[in-house]
Amino acid sequence: MKYKNNCFDLVIDKSTLDSFLCGEHSFINAAIYTKEVQRILKVGGIFLVISYGKPDNRLNHLVFNYC
């Protein structure tokens, strides 16, 4: 994404993650996507995910490491 680091307070995902998880190389593409979301979100920002998937199938993609 062509946005500066730490520039958004809120990112809304309406089934984008679901779309990545339905295609080829799904886990890699989902990881790249969520890493970009992490990069553009301000510290303490909110990543709101609206998903058709069950929480157990999505939460492992949404745990960010802030090391």
PDB file of N, CA and C in Angstrom:
ATOM      1  N   MET A   1       0.840  -1.177   0.000  1.00  0.00           N
ATOM      2  CA  MET A   1       0.000   0.000   0.000  1.00  0.00           C
ATOM      3  C   MET A   1       0.883   1.236   0.000  1.00  0.00           C
ATOM      4  N   LYS A   2       0.438   2.241  -0.673  1.00  0.00           N
ATOM      5  CA  LYS A   2       1.234   3.453  -0.796  1.00  0.00           C
ATOM      6  C   LYS A   2       0.824   4.482   0.253  1.00  0.00           C
ATOM      7  N   TYR A   3       0.924   4.087   1.501  1.00  0.00           N
ATOM      8  CA  TYR A   3       0.642   4.987   2.613  1.00  0.00           C
ATOM      9  C   TYR A   3       1.860   5.031   3.512  1.00  0.00           C
ATOM     10  N   LYS A   4       2.017   6.121   4.223  1.00  0.00           N
ATOM     11  CA  LYS A   4       3.117   6.253   5.163  1.00  0.00           C
ATOM     12  C   LYS A   4       2.878   5.337   6.354  1.00  0.00           C
ATOM     13  N   ASN A   5       3.952   5.023   7.048  1.00  0.00           N
ATOM     14  CA  ASN A   5       3.851   4.236   8.276  1.00  0.00           C
ATOM     15  C   ASN A   5       3.049   4.993   9.322  1.00  0.00           C
ATOM     16  N   ASN A   6       2.318   4.269  10.125  1.00  0.00           N
ATOM     17  CA  ASN A   6       1.620   4.825  11.294  1.00  0.00           C
ATOM     18  C   ASN A   6       0.739   6.017  10.946  1.00  0.00           C
ATOM     19  N   CYS A   7      -0.092   5.907   9.940  1.00  0.00           N
ATOM     20  CA  CYS A   7      -0.882   7.073   9.535  1.00  0.00           C
ATOM     21  C   CYS A   7      -2.386   6.918   9.733  1.00  0.00           C
ATOM     22  N   PHE A   8      -2.868   5.730  10.115  1.00  0.00           N
ATOM     23  CA  PHE A   8      -4.308   5.534  10.280  1.00  0.00           C
ATOM     24  C   PHE A   8      -4.648   5.132  11.708  1.00  0.00           C
ATOM     25  N   ASP A   9      -5.739   5.688  12.214  1.00  0.00           N
ATOM     26  CA  ASP A   9      -6.261   5.300  13.519  1.00  0.00           C
ATOM     27  C   ASP A   9      -7.129   4.056  13.410  1.00  0.00           C
ATOM     28  N   LEU A  10      -7.711   3.842  12.234  1.00  0.00           N
ATOM     29  CA  LEU A  10      -8.661   2.757  12.030  1.00  0.00           C
ATOM     30  C   LEU A  10      -8.521   2.210  10.616  1.00  0.00           C
ATOM     31  N   VAL A  11      -8.500   0.882  10.504  1.00  0.00           N
ATOM     32  CA  VAL A  11      -8.555   0.200   9.214  1.00  0.00           C
ATOM     33  C   VAL A  11      -9.743  -0.755   9.282  1.00  0.00           C
ATOM     34  N   ILE A  12     -10.639  -0.660   8.296  1.00  0.00           N
ATOM     35  CA  ILE A  12     -11.814  -1.521   8.235  1.00  0.00           C
ATOM     36  C   ILE A  12     -11.641  -2.525   7.103  1.00  0.00           C
ATOM     37  N   ASP A  13     -11.794  -3.788   7.444  1.00  0.00           N
ATOM     38  CA  ASP A  13     -11.696  -4.880   6.484  1.00  0.00           C
ATOM     39  C   ASP A  13     -13.062  -5.548   6.394  1.00  0.00           C
ATOM     40  N   LYS A  14     -13.716  -5.428   5.253  1.00  0.00           N
ATOM     41  CA  LYS A  14     -14.989  -6.114   5.053  1.00  0.00           C
ATOM     42  C   LYS A  14     -14.756  -7.252   4.066  1.00  0.00           C
ATOM     43  N   SER A  15     -14.343  -8.376   4.600  1.00  0.00           N
ATOM     44  CA  SER A  15     -14.108  -9.625   3.866  1.00  0.00           C
ATOM     45  C   SER A  15     -12.876  -9.621   2.971  1.00  0.00           C
ATOM     46  N   THR A  16     -11.995  -8.645   3.108  1.00  0.00           N
ATOM     47  CA  THR A  16     -10.756  -8.679   2.329  1.00  0.00           C
ATOM     48  C   THR A  16      -9.885  -9.840   2.779  1.00  0.00           C
ATOM     49  N   LEU A  17      -9.748 -10.002   4.081  1.00  0.00           N
ATOM     50  CA  LEU A  17      -8.970 -11.132   4.597  1.00  0.00           C
ATOM     51  C   LEU A  17      -9.577 -12.449   4.123  1.00  0.00           C
ATOM     52  N   ASP A  18     -10.899 -12.537   4.138  1.00  0.00           N
ATOM     53  CA  ASP A  18     -11.575 -13.742   3.634  1.00  0.00           C
ATOM     54  C   ASP A  18     -11.162 -14.030   2.193  1.00  0.00           C
ATOM     55  N   SER A  19     -11.106 -12.996   1.380  1.00  0.00           N
ATOM     56  CA  SER A  19     -10.735 -13.168  -0.037  1.00  0.00           C
ATOM     57  C   SER A  19      -9.324 -13.709  -0.178  1.00  0.00           C
ATOM     58  N   PHE A  20      -8.390 -13.159   0.602  1.00  0.00           N
ATOM     59  CA  PHE A  20      -7.015 -13.654   0.544  1.00  0.00           C
ATOM     60  C   PHE A  20      -6.943 -15.117   0.965  1.00  0.00           C
ATOM     61  N   LEU A  21      -7.758 -15.509   1.925  1.00  0.00           N
ATOM     62  CA  LEU A  21      -7.705 -16.870   2.446  1.00  0.00           C
ATOM     63  C   LEU A  21      -8.402 -17.884   1.542  1.00  0.00           C
ATOM     64  N   CYS A  22      -9.020 -17.430   0.463  1.00  0.00           N
ATOM     65  CA  CYS A  22      -9.676 -18.341  -0.484  1.00  0.00           C
ATOM     66  C   CYS A  22      -8.830 -18.630  -1.714  1.00  0.00           C
ATOM     67  N   GLY A  23      -7.738 -17.924  -1.901  1.00  0.00           N
ATOM     68  CA  GLY A  23      -6.948 -18.068  -3.111  1.00  0.00           C
ATOM     69  C   GLY A  23      -5.702 -18.909  -2.921  1.00  0.00           C
ATOM     70  N   GLU A  24      -4.899 -18.943  -3.967  1.00  0.00           N
ATOM     71  CA  GLU A  24      -3.614 -19.641  -3.917  1.00  0.00           C
ATOM     72  C   GLU A  24      -2.682 -18.915  -2.965  1.00  0.00           C
ATOM     73  N   HIS A  25      -1.816 -19.665  -2.324  1.00  0.00           N
ATOM     74  CA  HIS A  25      -0.835 -19.104  -1.381  1.00  0.00           C
ATOM     75  C   HIS A  25      -1.532 -18.279  -0.301  1.00  0.00           C
ATOM     76  N   SER A  26      -2.661 -18.770   0.154  1.00  0.00           N
ATOM     77  CA  SER A  26      -3.538 -17.993   1.033  1.00  0.00           C
ATOM     78  C   SER A  26      -2.857 -17.511   2.304  1.00  0.00           C
ATOM     79  N   PHE A  27      -2.110 -18.359   2.984  1.00  0.00           N
ATOM     80  CA  PHE A  27      -1.508 -17.944   4.248  1.00  0.00           C
ATOM     81  C   PHE A  27      -0.413 -16.907   4.032  1.00  0.00           C
ATOM     82  N   ILE A  28       0.340 -17.045   2.968  1.00  0.00           N
ATOM     83  CA  ILE A  28       1.395 -16.057   2.673  1.00  0.00           C
ATOM     84  C   ILE A  28       0.762 -14.717   2.312  1.00  0.00           C
ATOM     85  N   ASN A  29      -0.253 -14.734   1.445  1.00  0.00           N
ATOM     86  CA  ASN A  29      -0.921 -13.489   1.051  1.00  0.00           C
ATOM     87  C   ASN A  29      -1.610 -12.814   2.233  1.00  0.00           C
ATOM     88  N   ALA A  30      -2.229 -13.603   3.100  1.00  0.00           N
ATOM     89  CA  ALA A  30      -2.863 -13.036   4.294  1.00  0.00           C
ATOM     90  C   ALA A  30      -1.812 -12.418   5.213  1.00  0.00           C
ATOM     91  N   ALA A  31      -0.661 -13.055   5.331  1.00  0.00           N
ATOM     92  CA  ALA A  31       0.412 -12.525   6.170  1.00  0.00           C
ATOM     93  C   ALA A  31       0.954 -11.208   5.615  1.00  0.00           C
ATOM     94  N   ILE A  32       1.125 -11.132   4.315  1.00  0.00           N
ATOM     95  CA  ILE A  32       1.597  -9.893   3.683  1.00  0.00           C
ATOM     96  C   ILE A  32       0.578  -8.782   3.902  1.00  0.00           C
ATOM     97  N   TYR A  33      -0.683  -9.093   3.722  1.00  0.00           N
ATOM     98  CA  TYR A  33      -1.762  -8.114   3.912  1.00  0.00           C
ATOM     99  C   TYR A  33      -1.815  -7.602   5.348  1.00  0.00           C
ATOM    100  N   THR A  34      -1.821  -8.516   6.310  1.00  0.00           N
ATOM    101  CA  THR A  34      -1.917  -8.071   7.703  1.00  0.00           C
ATOM    102  C   THR A  34      -0.659  -7.337   8.155  1.00  0.00           C
ATOM    103  N   LYS A  35       0.482  -7.684   7.599  1.00  0.00           N
ATOM    104  CA  LYS A  35       1.723  -6.949   7.913  1.00  0.00           C
ATOM    105  C   LYS A  35       1.630  -5.515   7.404  1.00  0.00           C
ATOM    106  N   GLU A  36       1.047  -5.316   6.236  1.00  0.00           N
ATOM    107  CA  GLU A  36       0.844  -3.960   5.715  1.00  0.00           C
ATOM    108  C   GLU A  36      -0.142  -3.172   6.574  1.00  0.00           C
ATOM    109  N   VAL A  37      -1.195  -3.832   7.013  1.00  0.00           N
ATOM    110  CA  VAL A  37      -2.147  -3.172   7.911  1.00  0.00           C
ATOM    111  C   VAL A  37      -1.432  -2.747   9.186  1.00  0.00           C
ATOM    112  N   GLN A  38      -0.634  -3.634   9.730  1.00  0.00           N
ATOM    113  CA  GLN A  38       0.121  -3.311  10.936  1.00  0.00           C
ATOM    114  C   GLN A  38       1.035  -2.111  10.699  1.00  0.00           C
ATOM    115  N   ARG A  39       1.649  -2.043   9.543  1.00  0.00           N
ATOM    116  CA  ARG A  39       2.580  -0.961   9.220  1.00  0.00           C
ATOM    117  C   ARG A  39       1.871   0.388   9.149  1.00  0.00           C
ATOM    118  N   ILE A  40       0.690   0.437   8.554  1.00  0.00           N
ATOM    119  CA  ILE A  40       0.023   1.724   8.355  1.00  0.00           C
ATOM    120  C   ILE A  40      -0.820   2.170   9.551  1.00  0.00           C
ATOM    121  N   LEU A  41      -1.111   1.238  10.472  1.00  0.00           N
ATOM    122  CA  LEU A  41      -1.885   1.599  11.665  1.00  0.00           C
ATOM    123  C   LEU A  41      -1.015   2.320  12.678  1.00  0.00           C
ATOM    124  N   LYS A  42      -1.579   3.330  13.305  1.00  0.00           N
ATOM    125  CA  LYS A  42      -0.893   3.983  14.411  1.00  0.00           C
ATOM    126  C   LYS A  42      -0.859   3.017  15.589  1.00  0.00           C
ATOM    127  N   VAL A  43       0.115   3.211  16.475  1.00  0.00           N
ATOM    128  CA  VAL A  43       0.163   2.421  17.694  1.00  0.00           C
ATOM    129  C   VAL A  43      -1.136   2.668  18.464  1.00  0.00           C
ATOM    130  N   GLY A  44      -1.790   1.603  18.861  1.00  0.00           N
ATOM    131  CA  GLY A  44      -3.075   1.723  19.539  1.00  0.00           C
ATOM    132  C   GLY A  44      -4.245   1.826  18.583  1.00  0.00           C
ATOM    133  N   GLY A  45      -3.971   1.767  17.262  1.00  0.00           N
ATOM    134  CA  GLY A  45      -5.024   1.840  16.261  1.00  0.00           C
ATOM    135  C   GLY A  45      -5.890   0.592  16.263  1.00  0.00           C
ATOM    136  N   ILE A  46      -6.991   0.665  15.562  1.00  0.00           N
ATOM    137  CA  ILE A  46      -7.962  -0.425  15.525  1.00  0.00           C
ATOM    138  C   ILE A  46      -8.026  -1.027  14.125  1.00  0.00           C
ATOM    139  N   PHE A  47      -7.959  -2.347  14.064  1.00  0.00           N
ATOM    140  CA  PHE A  47      -8.141  -3.099  12.826  1.00  0.00           C
ATOM    141  C   PHE A  47      -9.465  -3.833  12.978  1.00  0.00           C
ATOM    142  N   LEU A  48     -10.506  -3.315  12.355  1.00  0.00           N
ATOM    143  CA  LEU A  48     -11.852  -3.867  12.445  1.00  0.00           C
ATOM    144  C   LEU A  48     -12.066  -4.828  11.281  1.00  0.00           C
ATOM    145  N   VAL A  49     -12.233  -6.108  11.594  1.00  0.00           N
ATOM    146  CA  VAL A  49     -12.385  -7.137  10.570  1.00  0.00           C
ATOM    147  C   VAL A  49     -13.814  -7.661  10.600  1.00  0.00           C
ATOM    148  N   ILE A  50     -14.500  -7.524   9.484  1.00  0.00           N
ATOM    149  CA  ILE A  50     -15.838  -8.086   9.300  1.00  0.00           C
ATOM    150  C   ILE A  50     -15.648  -9.301   8.396  1.00  0.00           C
ATOM    151  N   SER A  51     -15.876 -10.479   8.967  1.00  0.00           N
ATOM    152  CA  SER A  51     -15.518 -11.710   8.278  1.00  0.00           C
ATOM    153  C   SER A  51     -16.644 -12.725   8.335  1.00  0.00           C
ATOM    154  N   TYR A  52     -16.739 -13.512   7.291  1.00  0.00           N
ATOM    155  CA  TYR A  52     -17.661 -14.634   7.253  1.00  0.00           C
ATOM    156  C   TYR A  52     -17.089 -15.830   8.017  1.00  0.00           C
ATOM    157  N   GLY A  53     -15.764 -15.860   8.162  1.00  0.00           N
ATOM    158  CA  GLY A  53     -15.103 -16.989   8.809  1.00  0.00           C
ATOM    159  C   GLY A  53     -15.316 -17.006  10.308  1.00  0.00           C
ATOM    160  N   LYS A  54     -15.194 -18.183  10.886  1.00  0.00           N
ATOM    161  CA  LYS A  54     -15.295 -18.346  12.327  1.00  0.00           C
ATOM    162  C   LYS A  54     -14.069 -17.732  12.992  1.00  0.00           C
ATOM    163  N   PRO A  55     -14.240 -17.169  14.183  1.00  0.00           N
ATOM    164  CA  PRO A  55     -13.098 -16.559  14.882  1.00  0.00           C
ATOM    165  C   PRO A  55     -11.898 -17.500  15.014  1.00  0.00           C
ATOM    166  N   ASP A  56     -12.148 -18.776  15.284  1.00  0.00           N
ATOM    167  CA  ASP A  56     -11.040 -19.730  15.414  1.00  0.00           C
ATOM    168  C   ASP A  56     -10.215 -19.845  14.135  1.00  0.00           C
ATOM    169  N   ASN A  57     -10.839 -19.561  12.985  1.00  0.00           N
ATOM    170  CA  ASN A  57     -10.140 -19.642  11.699  1.00  0.00           C
ATOM    171  C   ASN A  57      -9.501 -18.329  11.279  1.00  0.00           C
ATOM    172  N   ARG A  58      -9.752 -17.257  12.011  1.00  0.00           N
ATOM    173  CA  ARG A  58      -9.227 -15.949  11.622  1.00  0.00           C
ATOM    174  C   ARG A  58      -8.246 -15.363  12.630  1.00  0.00           C
ATOM    175  N   LEU A  59      -8.408 -15.669  13.897  1.00  0.00           N
ATOM    176  CA  LEU A  59      -7.612 -15.010  14.928  1.00  0.00           C
ATOM    177  C   LEU A  59      -6.116 -15.237  14.783  1.00  0.00           C
ATOM    178  N   ASN A  60      -5.706 -16.412  14.305  1.00  0.00           N
ATOM    179  CA  ASN A  60      -4.267 -16.658  14.146  1.00  0.00           C
ATOM    180  C   ASN A  60      -3.646 -15.740  13.093  1.00  0.00           C
ATOM    181  N   HIS A  61      -4.436 -15.168  12.222  1.00  0.00           N
ATOM    182  CA  HIS A  61      -3.933 -14.223  11.216  1.00  0.00           C
ATOM    183  C   HIS A  61      -3.885 -12.787  11.756  1.00  0.00           C
ATOM    184  N   LEU A  62      -4.477 -12.580  12.913  1.00  0.00           N
ATOM    185  CA  LEU A  62      -4.635 -11.224  13.432  1.00  0.00           C
ATOM    186  C   LEU A  62      -3.819 -10.935  14.684  1.00  0.00           C
ATOM    187  N   VAL A  63      -2.991 -11.852  15.108  1.00  0.00           N
ATOM    188  CA  VAL A  63      -2.131 -11.624  16.255  1.00  0.00           C
ATOM    189  C   VAL A  63      -0.858 -10.972  15.746  1.00  0.00           C
ATOM    190  N   PHE A  64      -0.683  -9.697  16.093  1.00  0.00           N
ATOM    191  CA  PHE A  64       0.486  -8.939  15.625  1.00  0.00           C
ATOM    192  C   PHE A  64       1.591  -9.010  16.656  1.00  0.00           C
ATOM    193  N   ASN A  65       2.804  -9.123  16.180  1.00  0.00           N
ATOM    194  CA  ASN A  65       3.973  -9.070  17.050  1.00  0.00           C
ATOM    195  C   ASN A  65       4.587  -7.682  16.954  1.00  0.00           C
ATOM    196  N   TYR A  66       4.725  -7.029  18.074  1.00  0.00           N
ATOM    197  CA  TYR A  66       5.280  -5.664  18.105  1.00  0.00           C
ATOM    198  C   TYR A  66       6.701  -5.660  18.615  1.00  0.00           C
ATOM    199  N   CYS A  67       7.511  -6.595  18.156  1.00  0.00           N
ATOM    200  CA  CYS A  67       8.907  -6.679  18.600  1.00  0.00           C
ATOM    201  C   CYS A  67       9.787  -5.787  17.749  1.00  0.00           C
TER     202      CYS A  67
END
